[in-house]
Amino acid sequence: MKMKLPRLLAVCESCHENAPEMSCYYPEEVAWAPKSGMWLCHECWAELENVGEEQDVTPLVYADAVIVPIKEQMQRLIAASAKRRLGVK
């Protein structure tokens, strides 16, 4: 059996206030908005940060930048699995 990592999603804080069931996005689609101080999807980011369509403003950081790299996640998963099998707490 091959171990597989779960797909991690990021939450847009603005969408979460209005419709929690529709607030999850891929981490590449959620960015930090400095003016509003929240993690926002691309639609909310443009709206709340007052960025017009003609302006090409890129967010400084996306949510995928703060997630642990895949290789490290797999190492942690293997370590946790081994600890459980060996009965180590």
Protein backbone atom coordinates (compact mmCIF):
# COMPACT_ATOMS: atom_id res chain seq x y z
CA MET A 1 0.00 0.00 0.00
CA LYS A 2 1.43 3.36 -1.04
CA MET A 3 0.98 6.27 1.36
CA LYS A 4 -0.48 9.41 -0.13
CA LEU A 5 -0.66 12.91 1.31
CA PRO A 6 -4.02 14.64 1.68
CA ARG A 7 -4.75 17.71 -0.45
CA LEU A 8 -4.46 20.77 1.74
CA LEU A 9 -6.79 23.70 1.10
CA ALA A 10 -6.63 27.33 2.19
CA VAL A 11 -9.57 29.39 3.45
CA CYS A 12 -10.50 32.83 2.17
CA GLU A 13 -11.44 34.69 5.36
CA SER A 14 -13.87 37.00 3.57
CA CYS A 15 -15.70 34.14 1.82
CA HIS A 16 -15.73 32.20 5.10
CA GLU A 17 -17.71 34.97 6.81
CA ASN A 18 -20.39 34.92 4.10
CA ALA A 19 -20.49 31.27 3.02
CA PRO A 20 -18.21 28.90 5.00
CA GLU A 21 -19.05 25.94 2.76
CA MET A 22 -17.68 27.79 -0.29
CA SER A 23 -14.53 29.31 1.25
CA CYS A 24 -11.89 26.66 0.50
CA TYR A 25 -9.42 27.16 -2.35
CA TYR A 26 -6.14 25.69 -3.48
CA PRO A 27 -3.26 27.37 -1.58
CA GLU A 28 -1.97 28.90 -4.84
CA GLU A 29 -5.24 30.87 -5.10
CA VAL A 30 -5.24 32.45 -1.62
CA ALA A 31 -2.97 35.41 -0.85
CA TRP A 32 -2.24 37.64 2.13
CA ALA A 33 -3.93 41.05 1.86
CA PRO A 34 -1.96 43.64 3.85
CA LYS A 35 -4.65 46.36 3.86
CA SER A 36 -7.40 44.15 5.24
CA GLY A 37 -5.07 41.85 7.22
CA MET A 38 -6.69 38.62 5.97
CA TRP A 39 -6.03 35.67 3.70
CA LEU A 40 -8.18 36.23 0.60
CA CYS A 41 -8.99 34.46 -2.67
CA HIS A 42 -8.15 36.28 -5.89
CA GLU A 43 -11.66 37.75 -6.27
CA CYS A 44 -11.91 39.06 -2.70
CA TRP A 45 -8.30 40.23 -2.79
CA ALA A 46 -8.93 42.50 -5.78
CA GLU A 47 -12.18 43.77 -4.26
CA LEU A 48 -11.04 44.42 -0.68
CA GLU A 49 -7.58 45.71 -1.58
CA ASN A 50 -9.13 48.23 -4.01
CA VAL A 51 -7.23 46.89 -7.00
CA GLY A 52 -8.81 47.76 -10.33
CA GLU A 53 -8.76 45.46 -13.35
CA GLU A 54 -6.32 47.76 -15.15
CA GLN A 55 -3.80 47.62 -12.30
CA ASP A 56 -1.48 44.64 -12.22
CA VAL A 57 -0.72 44.30 -8.51
CA THR A 58 0.61 40.97 -7.33
CA PRO A 59 0.28 39.78 -3.73
CA LEU A 60 3.50 39.45 -1.74
CA VAL A 61 2.79 35.92 -0.52
CA TYR A 62 0.40 33.09 -1.33
CA ALA A 63 -0.79 30.47 1.15
CA ASP A 64 1.24 27.71 -0.53
CA ALA A 65 4.43 29.53 0.54
CA VAL A 66 3.69 28.91 4.22
CA ILE A 67 2.80 25.23 3.88
CA VAL A 68 5.47 22.65 4.72
CA PRO A 69 7.07 21.27 1.52
CA ILE A 70 5.73 17.94 0.17
CA LYS A 71 8.98 16.09 0.90
CA GLU A 72 8.92 17.15 4.56
CA GLN A 73 5.20 16.31 4.84
CA MET A 74 5.93 12.78 3.55
CA GLN A 75 8.81 12.37 6.03
CA ARG A 76 6.53 13.41 8.89
CA LEU A 77 3.81 11.03 7.68
CA ILE A 78 6.27 8.11 7.55
CA ALA A 79 7.68 8.98 10.99
CA ALA A 80 4.20 9.20 12.54
CA SER A 81 3.21 5.89 10.94
CA ALA A 82 6.35 4.19 12.21
CA LYS A 83 5.83 5.54 15.73
CA ARG A 84 2.25 4.27 15.76
CA ARG A 85 3.31 0.78 14.57
CA LEU A 86 6.07 0.62 17.18
CA GLY A 87 3.76 1.85 19.92
CA VAL A 88 5.91 4.88 20.72
CA LYS A 89 4.14 7.89 22.19
